[in-house]
Amino acid sequence: MKHILLAEDNQDFGGVLKQYLEISGYIITWAKNGKEALEMFKKDSFNICVLDVMMPKMDGFTLAEHIISLNPEMPFIFLTARKMKEDKIKGLKLGADDYIVKPFEADELVLRLSNILKRASKSIPLNQDIPIVKIGKYRFDTNRLHLEMDGAVQRLTEKEGALILYLFQHKNQLLKREAILNKVWENDDFFSGRSMDVFISRLRKYFKNDTSISIESIRGIGLEFKVG
């Protein structure tokens, strides 16, 4: 059974949502504000987070930032009563897997949760035949998921590792966004695309100390992982 962290300050709505998700086969931990949700996240293990945007003590966006810092791979969905385009863009830039505007049918949330969890649960194969990969001045340990340079070690998530390996295997080639998404995310929908943009930003930071390496975006087409 999948464990969901539900952060929702509305007692009536939160109670109904909790009951419906439990009937649908999920284990629910319900927090009434953002601060309480963060403490719960630190103490327990979850498969996905459902976060209301407008909450007391800590809003959903700030909560998501804390969750990402603790576990960059944690999928999450935002719930909001506001239809502001700026809010949706902000949520997606944070790496949200989905964004649902209230009111909505509980069945819709269950379906979206199911789809996201299916994608998140698929393991991403790394190259076990070549455990150490040299990328410019970096040394990428695919077994330990370490990116090393001059004694400094950057620990990677599984998806970061898979993305680095796929880009390196196709270095100095123009890759279409759809090809990267279908290989690493196994889905090329809008939310997977936003997630990929977040991961690419991280990789640029990881490789910033070697000027011979760059990840260039070609608008409307894709990316090129350049290694000199």
Protein backbone atom coordinates (compact mmCIF):
# COMPACT_ATOMS: atom_id res chain seq x y z
CA MET A 1 0.00 0.00 0.00
CA LYS A 2 1.29 3.44 -0.95
CA HIS A 3 1.75 6.05 1.77
CA ILE A 4 0.55 9.60 1.02
CA LEU A 5 1.36 12.76 2.96
CA LEU A 6 -1.74 14.95 2.69
CA ALA A 7 -1.23 18.60 3.70
CA GLU A 8 -4.62 20.34 3.79
CA ASP A 9 -5.80 22.90 6.36
CA ASN A 10 -9.53 22.74 5.54
CA GLN A 11 -10.99 20.32 8.08
CA ASP A 12 -14.06 19.31 6.10
CA PHE A 13 -12.35 18.95 2.73
CA GLY A 14 -9.29 17.28 4.22
CA GLY A 15 -11.41 14.79 6.15
CA VAL A 16 -13.42 13.80 3.09
CA LEU A 17 -10.30 13.53 0.95
CA LYS A 18 -8.53 11.38 3.56
CA GLN A 19 -11.47 8.97 3.77
CA TYR A 20 -11.81 8.68 0.00
CA LEU A 21 -8.10 8.01 -0.52
CA GLU A 22 -8.13 5.39 2.22
CA ILE A 23 -11.10 3.69 0.57
CA SER A 24 -9.07 3.74 -2.65
CA GLY A 25 -6.33 1.71 -0.96
CA TYR A 26 -3.85 4.34 0.23
CA ILE A 27 -2.36 4.92 3.67
CA ILE A 28 -2.87 8.59 4.57
CA THR A 29 -1.00 10.81 7.00
CA TRP A 30 -2.91 14.10 7.24
CA ALA A 31 -1.24 17.35 8.31
CA LYS A 32 -3.33 20.46 9.02
CA ASN A 33 -0.65 23.02 8.10
CA GLY A 34 2.66 23.22 6.26
CA LYS A 35 4.87 23.21 9.34
CA GLU A 36 3.18 20.09 10.71
CA ALA A 37 3.49 18.42 7.30
CA LEU A 38 7.24 19.08 7.18
CA GLU A 39 7.75 17.53 10.62
CA MET A 40 5.75 14.47 9.54
CA PHE A 41 7.81 14.18 6.35
CA LYS A 42 11.04 14.15 8.36
CA LYS A 43 9.78 11.38 10.65
CA ASP A 44 8.17 8.96 8.19
CA SER A 45 8.52 7.51 4.69
CA PHE A 46 6.10 8.48 1.92
CA ASN A 47 5.54 7.56 -1.70
CA ILE A 48 3.94 10.86 -2.76
CA CYS A 49 2.81 14.19 -1.25
CA VAL A 50 -0.46 16.03 -1.90
CA LEU A 51 0.03 19.67 -0.87
CA ASP A 52 -2.51 22.45 -0.57
CA VAL A 53 -0.98 25.73 -1.74
CA MET A 54 -2.67 28.08 0.76
CA MET A 55 -1.95 26.86 4.30
CA PRO A 56 -1.16 28.55 7.63
CA LYS A 57 2.35 28.54 9.17
CA MET A 58 3.93 27.42 5.88
CA ASP A 59 2.41 27.55 2.38
CA GLY A 60 2.53 24.63 -0.02
CA PHE A 61 5.25 26.12 -2.24
CA THR A 62 7.63 26.64 0.69
CA LEU A 63 6.81 23.17 1.99
CA ALA A 64 7.62 21.67 -1.42
CA GLU A 65 11.01 23.41 -1.44
CA HIS A 66 11.86 21.83 1.93
CA ILE A 67 10.67 18.41 0.76
CA ILE A 68 12.78 18.63 -2.41
CA SER A 69 15.85 19.55 -0.36
CA LEU A 70 15.31 16.43 1.77
CA ASN A 71 14.34 14.09 -1.08
CA PRO A 72 14.70 15.40 -4.66
CA GLU A 73 12.95 12.28 -6.05
CA MET A 74 9.75 12.69 -4.01
CA PRO A 75 6.75 13.17 -6.34
CA PHE A 76 4.15 15.74 -5.29
CA ILE A 77 0.88 17.30 -6.42
CA PHE A 78 -0.38 20.79 -5.60
CA LEU A 79 -4.02 21.49 -4.71
CA THR A 80 -5.30 25.05 -4.96
CA ALA A 81 -8.53 27.01 -5.02
CA ARG A 82 -6.89 29.69 -7.16
CA LYS A 83 -6.72 29.59 -10.95
CA MET A 84 -3.88 32.10 -11.27
CA LYS A 85 -1.50 31.21 -14.11
CA GLU A 86 1.44 32.50 -12.04
CA ASP A 87 0.69 29.98 -9.29
CA LYS A 88 0.61 27.09 -11.75
CA ILE A 89 3.88 28.14 -13.36
CA LYS A 90 5.52 28.53 -9.95
CA GLY A 91 4.39 25.04 -8.93
CA LEU A 92 5.64 23.46 -12.13
CA LYS A 93 9.00 25.24 -11.86
CA LEU A 94 9.40 23.65 -8.44
CA GLY A 95 9.07 20.28 -10.16
CA ALA A 96 5.47 19.41 -9.28
CA ASP A 97 4.18 16.26 -10.97
CA ASP A 98 0.69 17.73 -11.24
CA TYR A 99 -1.45 20.71 -10.26
CA ILE A 100 -5.18 20.42 -9.54
CA VAL A 101 -7.58 23.33 -9.11
CA LYS A 102 -10.44 22.99 -6.60
CA PRO A 103 -13.17 21.97 -6.82
CA PHE A 104 -12.33 18.63 -8.40
CA GLU A 105 -13.68 15.11 -8.37
CA ALA A 106 -11.87 12.78 -5.96
CA ASP A 107 -11.75 10.16 -8.73
CA GLU A 108 -9.62 12.54 -10.78
CA LEU A 109 -7.08 12.88 -7.97
CA VAL A 110 -6.93 9.10 -7.48
CA LEU A 111 -6.30 8.58 -11.20
CA ARG A 112 -3.54 11.17 -11.30
CA LEU A 113 -1.93 9.73 -8.16
CA SER A 114 -2.00 6.26 -9.69
CA ASN A 115 -0.35 7.43 -12.93
CA ILE A 116 2.39 9.36 -11.12
CA LEU A 117 3.16 6.48 -8.76
CA LYS A 118 3.41 4.04 -11.67
CA ARG A 119 6.01 6.24 -13.33
CA ALA A 120 7.92 6.82 -10.08
CA SER A 121 8.05 3.11 -9.21
CA LYS A 122 9.72 2.04 -12.44
CA SER A 123 13.40 1.40 -11.86
CA ILE A 124 15.83 3.11 -14.20
CA PRO A 125 18.59 0.77 -15.44
CA LEU A 126 22.11 2.10 -15.19
CA ASN A 127 25.11 0.66 -17.00
CA GLN A 128 26.36 -2.08 -14.71
CA ASP A 129 28.86 -3.33 -17.32
CA ILE A 130 30.80 -0.07 -17.14
CA PRO A 131 30.63 1.02 -13.48
CA ILE A 132 33.04 3.96 -13.86
CA VAL A 133 32.52 6.55 -16.60
CA LYS A 134 34.92 9.42 -17.29
CA ILE A 135 33.13 12.63 -18.26
CA GLY A 136 35.63 15.41 -18.86
CA LYS A 137 37.38 15.96 -15.53
CA TYR A 138 34.64 14.09 -13.67
CA ARG A 139 34.47 10.46 -12.63
CA PHE A 140 30.93 9.02 -12.60
CA ASP A 141 30.49 5.91 -10.44
CA THR A 142 27.26 4.36 -11.76
CA ASN A 143 27.05 1.79 -8.96
CA ARG A 144 27.44 4.17 -6.03
CA LEU A 145 25.77 7.08 -7.89
CA HIS A 146 28.69 9.39 -7.16
CA LEU A 147 29.97 12.18 -9.40
CA GLU A 148 33.55 12.98 -8.35
CA MET A 149 36.09 15.64 -9.22
CA ASP A 150 39.29 16.57 -7.36
CA GLY A 151 38.16 14.69 -4.24
CA ALA A 152 34.75 16.39 -4.12
CA VAL A 153 31.79 14.00 -4.31
CA GLN A 154 28.27 14.83 -5.46
CA ARG A 155 25.76 12.15 -4.50
CA LEU A 156 23.14 11.58 -7.18
CA THR A 157 19.61 10.28 -7.21
CA GLU A 158 18.86 7.29 -9.43
CA LYS A 159 17.09 9.44 -11.99
CA GLU A 160 19.92 11.99 -12.07
CA GLY A 161 22.33 9.13 -12.68
CA ALA A 162 20.22 7.68 -15.48
CA LEU A 163 19.89 11.09 -17.13
CA ILE A 164 23.64 11.75 -16.96
CA LEU A 165 24.42 8.34 -18.44
CA TYR A 166 21.91 8.73 -21.27
CA LEU A 167 23.20 12.20 -22.16
CA PHE A 168 26.82 11.01 -22.05
CA GLN A 169 26.05 8.01 -24.26
CA HIS A 170 24.77 10.54 -26.82
CA LYS A 171 27.30 13.30 -26.14
CA ASN A 172 27.87 15.97 -28.79
CA GLN A 173 24.60 15.00 -30.47
CA LEU A 174 21.37 16.95 -30.69
CA LEU A 175 18.76 14.99 -28.73
CA LYS A 176 15.04 15.64 -29.05
CA ARG A 177 13.25 16.33 -25.77
CA GLU A 178 10.78 13.53 -26.50
CA ALA A 179 13.59 11.00 -26.84
CA ILE A 180 15.09 11.94 -23.46
CA LEU A 181 11.71 11.93 -21.75
CA ASN A 182 10.65 8.58 -23.16
CA LYS A 183 13.96 6.97 -22.21
CA VAL A 184 14.42 8.36 -18.67
CA TRP A 185 10.89 9.32 -17.60
CA GLU A 186 9.08 6.81 -19.84
CA ASN A 187 6.56 9.56 -20.53
CA ASP A 188 6.71 12.74 -22.62
CA ASP A 189 3.74 14.63 -21.16
CA PHE A 190 3.85 18.24 -19.97
CA PHE A 191 4.59 17.47 -16.32
CA SER A 192 7.43 15.08 -17.16
CA GLY A 193 8.87 17.83 -19.34
CA ARG A 194 8.79 20.31 -16.46
CA SER A 195 10.43 17.72 -14.23
CA MET A 196 13.19 17.22 -16.81
CA ASP A 197 13.86 20.96 -16.90
CA VAL A 198 14.45 20.91 -13.13
CA PHE A 199 16.85 17.97 -13.46
CA ILE A 200 18.78 19.63 -16.31
CA SER A 201 19.26 22.74 -14.14
CA ARG A 202 20.75 20.53 -11.42
CA LEU A 203 23.12 18.80 -13.85
CA ARG A 204 24.41 22.15 -15.09
CA LYS A 205 25.35 22.99 -11.50
CA TYR A 206 26.99 19.59 -10.98
CA PHE A 207 29.23 20.01 -14.06
CA LYS A 208 29.96 23.74 -13.66
CA ASN A 209 33.60 23.21 -12.58
CA ASP A 210 34.62 21.82 -15.97
CA THR A 211 34.27 24.44 -18.70
CA SER A 212 34.68 21.78 -21.40
CA ILE A 213 31.25 20.41 -20.43
CA SER A 214 27.96 22.15 -21.22
CA ILE A 215 24.30 21.29 -21.66
CA GLU A 216 22.91 23.52 -24.37
CA SER A 217 19.20 23.95 -25.00
CA ILE A 218 18.02 24.32 -28.59
CA ARG A 219 14.63 26.00 -28.37
CA GLY A 220 11.78 23.90 -29.68
CA ILE A 221 14.01 20.90 -30.43
CA GLY A 222 15.98 19.52 -27.53
CA LEU A 223 19.38 19.41 -25.85
CA GLU A 224 23.01 18.81 -26.65
CA PHE A 225 25.40 17.46 -23.99
CA LYS A 226 28.75 18.85 -25.12
CA VAL A 227 31.95 17.31 -23.82
CA GLY A 228 35.19 18.79 -25.18
